[in-house]
Amino acid sequence: MTSPIRFGGLASGIDTDTIIKQLMQAERMPVDKLEQQKQTTEWKRDAYREINRSLMTLRNSAVESHVQS
């Protein structure tokens, strides 16, 4: 199987490969931004979980201390 021969802008002098890459990059920007927001949200979620875990440990220690006294 052979790949088609491409002469990107050879006849017209326009660098079509670069234009296409730039258009694809521009189209991808919203997706990239959403992926960044998703990652940030996951980090926040993990931080909240850790805080919740710490608070539960503190509460359990306080309850144990109160029960023992």
PDB file of N, CA and C in Angstrom:
ATOM      1  N   MET A   1       0.853  -1.171   0.000  1.00  0.00           N
ATOM      2  CA  MET A   1       0.000   0.000   0.000  1.00  0.00           C
ATOM      3  C   MET A   1       0.899   1.233   0.000  1.00  0.00           C
ATOM      4  N   THR A   2       0.679   2.101  -0.941  1.00  0.00           N
ATOM      5  CA  THR A   2       1.500   3.299  -1.035  1.00  0.00           C
ATOM      6  C   THR A   2       0.696   4.507  -0.596  1.00  0.00           C
ATOM      7  N   SER A   3       1.402   5.498  -0.100  1.00  0.00           N
ATOM      8  CA  SER A   3       0.716   6.720   0.305  1.00  0.00           C
ATOM      9  C   SER A   3       0.653   7.655  -0.898  1.00  0.00           C
ATOM     10  N   PRO A   4      -0.391   8.466  -0.945  1.00  0.00           N
ATOM     11  CA  PRO A   4      -0.525   9.370  -2.083  1.00  0.00           C
ATOM     12  C   PRO A   4       0.584  10.423  -2.062  1.00  0.00           C
ATOM     13  N   ILE A   5       0.987  10.828  -3.236  1.00  0.00           N
ATOM     14  CA  ILE A   5       2.002  11.865  -3.359  1.00  0.00           C
ATOM     15  C   ILE A   5       1.327  13.218  -3.182  1.00  0.00           C
ATOM     16  N   ARG A   6       1.921  14.028  -2.296  1.00  0.00           N
ATOM     17  CA  ARG A   6       1.336  15.350  -2.028  1.00  0.00           C
ATOM     18  C   ARG A   6       2.352  16.421  -2.371  1.00  0.00           C
ATOM     19  N   PHE A   7       1.881  17.423  -3.024  1.00  0.00           N
ATOM     20  CA  PHE A   7       2.701  18.579  -3.334  1.00  0.00           C
ATOM     21  C   PHE A   7       2.069  19.787  -2.669  1.00  0.00           C
ATOM     22  N   GLY A   8       2.212  19.862  -1.346  1.00  0.00           N
ATOM     23  CA  GLY A   8       1.567  20.904  -0.562  1.00  0.00           C
ATOM     24  C   GLY A   8       1.895  22.304  -1.024  1.00  0.00           C
ATOM     25  N   GLY A   9       1.029  22.887  -1.805  1.00  0.00           N
ATOM     26  CA  GLY A   9       1.179  24.268  -2.231  1.00  0.00           C
ATOM     27  C   GLY A   9       2.267  24.482  -3.264  1.00  0.00           C
ATOM     28  N   LEU A  10       2.782  23.428  -3.837  1.00  0.00           N
ATOM     29  CA  LEU A  10       3.886  23.550  -4.781  1.00  0.00           C
ATOM     30  C   LEU A  10       3.493  24.399  -5.992  1.00  0.00           C
ATOM     31  N   ALA A  11       2.318  24.137  -6.536  1.00  0.00           N
ATOM     32  CA  ALA A  11       1.894  24.865  -7.730  1.00  0.00           C
ATOM     33  C   ALA A  11       1.454  26.288  -7.399  1.00  0.00           C
ATOM     34  N   SER A  12       0.797  26.465  -6.256  1.00  0.00           N
ATOM     35  CA  SER A  12       0.261  27.784  -5.922  1.00  0.00           C
ATOM     36  C   SER A  12       1.217  28.620  -5.078  1.00  0.00           C
ATOM     37  N   GLY A  13       2.209  27.987  -4.474  1.00  0.00           N
ATOM     38  CA  GLY A  13       3.135  28.711  -3.621  1.00  0.00           C
ATOM     39  C   GLY A  13       2.618  28.879  -2.199  1.00  0.00           C
ATOM     40  N   ILE A  14       1.460  28.296  -1.915  1.00  0.00           N
ATOM     41  CA  ILE A  14       0.871  28.390  -0.583  1.00  0.00           C
ATOM     42  C   ILE A  14       1.262  27.149   0.206  1.00  0.00           C
ATOM     43  N   ASP A  15       1.714  27.352   1.426  1.00  0.00           N
ATOM     44  CA  ASP A  15       2.106  26.232   2.286  1.00  0.00           C
ATOM     45  C   ASP A  15       0.847  25.671   2.954  1.00  0.00           C
ATOM     46  N   THR A  16       0.163  24.797   2.232  1.00  0.00           N
ATOM     47  CA  THR A  16      -1.116  24.267   2.718  1.00  0.00           C
ATOM     48  C   THR A  16      -0.948  23.408   3.966  1.00  0.00           C
ATOM     49  N   ASP A  17       0.171  22.708   4.079  1.00  0.00           N
ATOM     50  CA  ASP A  17       0.384  21.866   5.270  1.00  0.00           C
ATOM     51  C   ASP A  17       0.408  22.713   6.537  1.00  0.00           C
ATOM     52  N   THR A  18       1.120  23.839   6.490  1.00  0.00           N
ATOM     53  CA  THR A  18       1.185  24.725   7.651  1.00  0.00           C
ATOM     54  C   THR A  18      -0.179  25.327   7.945  1.00  0.00           C
ATOM     55  N   ILE A  19      -0.892  25.720   6.927  1.00  0.00           N
ATOM     56  CA  ILE A  19      -2.232  26.294   7.114  1.00  0.00           C
ATOM     57  C   ILE A  19      -3.154  25.279   7.771  1.00  0.00           C
ATOM     58  N   ILE A  20      -3.111  24.051   7.309  1.00  0.00           N
ATOM     59  CA  ILE A  20      -3.964  23.000   7.871  1.00  0.00           C
ATOM     60  C   ILE A  20      -3.586  22.732   9.320  1.00  0.00           C
ATOM     61  N   LYS A  21      -2.282  22.664   9.617  1.00  0.00           N
ATOM     62  CA  LYS A  21      -1.838  22.439  10.999  1.00  0.00           C
ATOM     63  C   LYS A  21      -2.307  23.563  11.912  1.00  0.00           C
ATOM     64  N   GLN A  22      -2.230  24.800  11.437  1.00  0.00           N
ATOM     65  CA  GLN A  22      -2.662  25.936  12.248  1.00  0.00           C
ATOM     66  C   GLN A  22      -4.172  25.916  12.467  1.00  0.00           C
ATOM     67  N   LEU A  23      -4.923  25.550  11.439  1.00  0.00           N
ATOM     68  CA  LEU A  23      -6.375  25.446  11.589  1.00  0.00           C
ATOM     69  C   LEU A  23      -6.752  24.345  12.575  1.00  0.00           C
ATOM     70  N   MET A  24      -6.056  23.219  12.492  1.00  0.00           N
ATOM     71  CA  MET A  24      -6.332  22.120  13.417  1.00  0.00           C
ATOM     72  C   MET A  24      -5.987  22.533  14.846  1.00  0.00           C
ATOM     73  N   GLN A  25      -4.893  23.274  15.004  1.00  0.00           N
ATOM     74  CA  GLN A  25      -4.497  23.744  16.325  1.00  0.00           C
ATOM     75  C   GLN A  25      -5.551  24.697  16.887  1.00  0.00           C
ATOM     76  N   ALA A  26      -6.067  25.585  16.054  1.00  0.00           N
ATOM     77  CA  ALA A  26      -7.103  26.522  16.493  1.00  0.00           C
ATOM     78  C   ALA A  26      -8.388  25.784  16.869  1.00  0.00           C
ATOM     79  N   GLU A  27      -8.728  24.759  16.115  1.00  0.00           N
ATOM     80  CA  GLU A  27      -9.925  23.971  16.407  1.00  0.00           C
ATOM     81  C   GLU A  27      -9.766  23.181  17.706  1.00  0.00           C
ATOM     82  N   ARG A  28      -8.547  22.809  18.019  1.00  0.00           N
ATOM     83  CA  ARG A  28      -8.279  21.986  19.196  1.00  0.00           C
ATOM     84  C   ARG A  28      -8.233  22.800  20.491  1.00  0.00           C
ATOM     85  N   MET A  29      -8.089  24.103  20.399  1.00  0.00           N
ATOM     86  CA  MET A  29      -7.944  24.937  21.592  1.00  0.00           C
ATOM     87  C   MET A  29      -9.080  24.769  22.603  1.00  0.00           C
ATOM     88  N   PRO A  30     -10.347  24.771  22.197  1.00  0.00           N
ATOM     89  CA  PRO A  30     -11.414  24.570  23.190  1.00  0.00           C
ATOM     90  C   PRO A  30     -11.325  23.209  23.889  1.00  0.00           C
ATOM     91  N   VAL A  31     -10.930  22.190  23.161  1.00  0.00           N
ATOM     92  CA  VAL A  31     -10.783  20.861  23.748  1.00  0.00           C
ATOM     93  C   VAL A  31      -9.647  20.870  24.766  1.00  0.00           C
ATOM     94  N   ASP A  32      -8.542  21.498  24.411  1.00  0.00           N
ATOM     95  CA  ASP A  32      -7.405  21.586  25.335  1.00  0.00           C
ATOM     96  C   ASP A  32      -7.796  22.333  26.601  1.00  0.00           C
ATOM     97  N   LYS A  33      -8.559  23.413  26.444  1.00  0.00           N
ATOM     98  CA  LYS A  33      -8.984  24.188  27.601  1.00  0.00           C
ATOM     99  C   LYS A  33      -9.882  23.347  28.515  1.00  0.00           C
ATOM    100  N   LEU A  34     -10.788  22.587  27.929  1.00  0.00           N
ATOM    101  CA  LEU A  34     -11.653  21.714  28.727  1.00  0.00           C
ATOM    102  C   LEU A  34     -10.846  20.641  29.454  1.00  0.00           C
ATOM    103  N   GLU A  35      -9.830  20.107  28.798  1.00  0.00           N
ATOM    104  CA  GLU A  35      -8.992  19.099  29.444  1.00  0.00           C
ATOM    105  C   GLU A  35      -8.230  19.712  30.627  1.00  0.00           C
ATOM    106  N   GLN A  36      -7.785  20.951  30.473  1.00  0.00           N
ATOM    107  CA  GLN A  36      -7.105  21.636  31.580  1.00  0.00           C
ATOM    108  C   GLN A  36      -8.073  21.867  32.741  1.00  0.00           C
ATOM    109  N   GLN A  37      -9.295  22.294  32.419  1.00  0.00           N
ATOM    110  CA  GLN A  37     -10.305  22.518  33.460  1.00  0.00           C
ATOM    111  C   GLN A  37     -10.645  21.205  34.164  1.00  0.00           C
ATOM    112  N   LYS A  38     -10.717  20.131  33.413  1.00  0.00           N
ATOM    113  CA  LYS A  38     -11.001  18.823  33.997  1.00  0.00           C
ATOM    114  C   LYS A  38      -9.901  18.441  34.974  1.00  0.00           C
ATOM    115  N   GLN A  39      -8.641  18.634  34.575  1.00  0.00           N
ATOM    116  CA  GLN A  39      -7.525  18.292  35.450  1.00  0.00           C
ATOM    117  C   GLN A  39      -7.563  19.131  36.722  1.00  0.00           C
ATOM    118  N   THR A  40      -7.822  20.422  36.596  1.00  0.00           N
ATOM    119  CA  THR A  40      -7.904  21.302  37.759  1.00  0.00           C
ATOM    120  C   THR A  40      -9.025  20.859  38.689  1.00  0.00           C
ATOM    121  N   THR A  41     -10.164  20.504  38.121  1.00  0.00           N
ATOM    122  CA  THR A  41     -11.301  20.041  38.916  1.00  0.00           C
ATOM    123  C   THR A  41     -10.960  18.745  39.643  1.00  0.00           C
ATOM    124  N   GLU A  42     -10.249  17.845  38.972  1.00  0.00           N
ATOM    125  CA  GLU A  42      -9.845  16.591  39.622  1.00  0.00           C
ATOM    126  C   GLU A  42      -8.886  16.859  40.773  1.00  0.00           C
ATOM    127  N   TRP A  43      -7.973  17.817  40.614  1.00  0.00           N
ATOM    128  CA  TRP A  43      -7.052  18.158  41.708  1.00  0.00           C
ATOM    129  C   TRP A  43      -7.818  18.731  42.890  1.00  0.00           C
ATOM    130  N   LYS A  44      -8.806  19.592  42.606  1.00  0.00           N
ATOM    131  CA  LYS A  44      -9.628  20.158  43.687  1.00  0.00           C
ATOM    132  C   LYS A  44     -10.406  19.062  44.399  1.00  0.00           C
ATOM    133  N   ARG A  45     -10.985  18.151  43.621  1.00  0.00           N
ATOM    134  CA  ARG A  45     -11.725  17.032  44.206  1.00  0.00           C
ATOM    135  C   ARG A  45     -10.835  16.224  45.136  1.00  0.00           C
ATOM    136  N   ASP A  46      -9.633  15.924  44.673  1.00  0.00           N
ATOM    137  CA  ASP A  46      -8.704  15.155  45.494  1.00  0.00           C
ATOM    138  C   ASP A  46      -8.344  15.907  46.772  1.00  0.00           C
ATOM    139  N   ALA A  47      -8.160  17.215  46.669  1.00  0.00           N
ATOM    140  CA  ALA A  47      -7.841  18.020  47.851  1.00  0.00           C
ATOM    141  C   ALA A  47      -9.006  18.011  48.832  1.00  0.00           C
ATOM    142  N   TYR A  48     -10.240  18.153  48.336  1.00  0.00           N
ATOM    143  CA  TYR A  48     -11.417  18.104  49.212  1.00  0.00           C
ATOM    144  C   TYR A  48     -11.545  16.744  49.890  1.00  0.00           C
ATOM    145  N   ARG A  49     -11.249  15.694  49.164  1.00  0.00           N
ATOM    146  CA  ARG A  49     -11.306  14.354  49.756  1.00  0.00           C
ATOM    147  C   ARG A  49     -10.287  14.221  50.885  1.00  0.00           C
ATOM    148  N   GLU A  50      -9.099  14.739  50.661  1.00  0.00           N
ATOM    149  CA  GLU A  50      -8.064  14.672  51.691  1.00  0.00           C
ATOM    150  C   GLU A  50      -8.468  15.479  52.923  1.00  0.00           C
ATOM    151  N   ILE A  51      -9.041  16.656  52.720  1.00  0.00           N
ATOM    152  CA  ILE A  51      -9.530  17.462  53.843  1.00  0.00           C
ATOM    153  C   ILE A  51     -10.619  16.711  54.588  1.00  0.00           C
ATOM    154  N   ASN A  52     -11.536  16.118  53.855  1.00  0.00           N
ATOM    155  CA  ASN A  52     -12.625  15.357  54.465  1.00  0.00           C
ATOM    156  C   ASN A  52     -12.077  14.184  55.280  1.00  0.00           C
ATOM    157  N   ARG A  53     -11.089  13.490  54.730  1.00  0.00           N
ATOM    158  CA  ARG A  53     -10.466  12.374  55.434  1.00  0.00           C
ATOM    159  C   ARG A  53      -9.826  12.857  56.739  1.00  0.00           C
ATOM    160  N   SER A  54      -9.135  13.980  56.662  1.00  0.00           N
ATOM    161  CA  SER A  54      -8.487  14.534  57.858  1.00  0.00           C
ATOM    162  C   SER A  54      -9.511  14.945  58.906  1.00  0.00           C
ATOM    163  N   LEU A  55     -10.606  15.557  58.461  1.00  0.00           N
ATOM    164  CA  LEU A  55     -11.649  15.958  59.403  1.00  0.00           C
ATOM    165  C   LEU A  55     -12.317  14.751  60.049  1.00  0.00           C
ATOM    166  N   MET A  56     -12.521  13.699  59.281  1.00  0.00           N
ATOM    167  CA  MET A  56     -13.110  12.479  59.838  1.00  0.00           C
ATOM    168  C   MET A  56     -12.171  11.869  60.889  1.00  0.00           C
ATOM    169  N   THR A  57     -10.876  11.878  60.609  1.00  0.00           N
ATOM    170  CA  THR A  57      -9.903  11.359  61.575  1.00  0.00           C
ATOM    171  C   THR A  57      -9.931  12.197  62.846  1.00  0.00           C
ATOM    172  N   LEU A  58      -9.974  13.506  62.694  1.00  0.00           N
ATOM    173  CA  LEU A  58     -10.038  14.396  63.854  1.00  0.00           C
ATOM    174  C   LEU A  58     -11.308  14.139  64.658  1.00  0.00           C
ATOM    175  N   ARG A  59     -12.440  14.020  63.986  1.00  0.00           N
ATOM    176  CA  ARG A  59     -13.710  13.763  64.665  1.00  0.00           C
ATOM    177  C   ARG A  59     -13.667  12.436  65.409  1.00  0.00           C
ATOM    178  N   ASN A  60     -13.161  11.406  64.746  1.00  0.00           N
ATOM    179  CA  ASN A  60     -13.086  10.082  65.385  1.00  0.00           C
ATOM    180  C   ASN A  60     -12.173  10.119  66.611  1.00  0.00           C
ATOM    181  N   SER A  61     -11.088  10.850  66.512  1.00  0.00           N
ATOM    182  CA  SER A  61     -10.185  10.988  67.674  1.00  0.00           C
ATOM    183  C   SER A  61     -10.882  11.723  68.814  1.00  0.00           C
ATOM    184  N   ALA A  62     -11.639  12.753  68.480  1.00  0.00           N
ATOM    185  CA  ALA A  62     -12.357  13.500  69.515  1.00  0.00           C
ATOM    186  C   ALA A  62     -13.402  12.632  70.176  1.00  0.00           C
ATOM    187  N   VAL A  63     -14.115  11.838  69.401  1.00  0.00           N
ATOM    188  CA  VAL A  63     -15.140  10.939  69.952  1.00  0.00           C
ATOM    189  C   VAL A  63     -14.474   9.901  70.851  1.00  0.00           C
ATOM    190  N   GLU A  64     -13.375   9.300  70.396  1.00  0.00           N
ATOM    191  CA  GLU A  64     -12.670   8.309  71.211  1.00  0.00           C
ATOM    192  C   GLU A  64     -12.189   8.925  72.516  1.00  0.00           C
ATOM    193  N   SER A  65     -11.657  10.120  72.431  1.00  0.00           N
ATOM    194  CA  SER A  65     -11.159  10.817  73.625  1.00  0.00           C
ATOM    195  C   SER A  65     -12.290  11.079  74.611  1.00  0.00           C
ATOM    196  N   HIS A  66     -13.439  11.485  74.071  1.00  0.00           N
ATOM    197  CA  HIS A  66     -14.593  11.778  74.915  1.00  0.00           C
ATOM    198  C   HIS A  66     -15.129  10.498  75.564  1.00  0.00           C
ATOM    199  N   VAL A  67     -15.165   9.402  74.834  1.00  0.00           N
ATOM    200  CA  VAL A  67     -15.664   8.126  75.334  1.00  0.00           C
ATOM    201  C   VAL A  67     -14.731   7.584  76.420  1.00  0.00           C
ATOM    202  N   GLN A  68     -13.433   7.734  76.247  1.00  0.00           N
ATOM    203  CA  GLN A  68     -12.468   7.200  77.201  1.00  0.00           C
ATOM    204  C   GLN A  68     -12.430   7.988  78.516  1.00  0.00           C
ATOM    205  N   SER A  69     -12.852   9.225  78.496  1.00  0.00           N
ATOM    206  CA  SER A  69     -12.770  10.018  79.726  1.00  0.00           C
ATOM    207  C   SER A  69     -14.013   9.952  80.562  1.00  0.00           C
TER     208      SER A  69
END
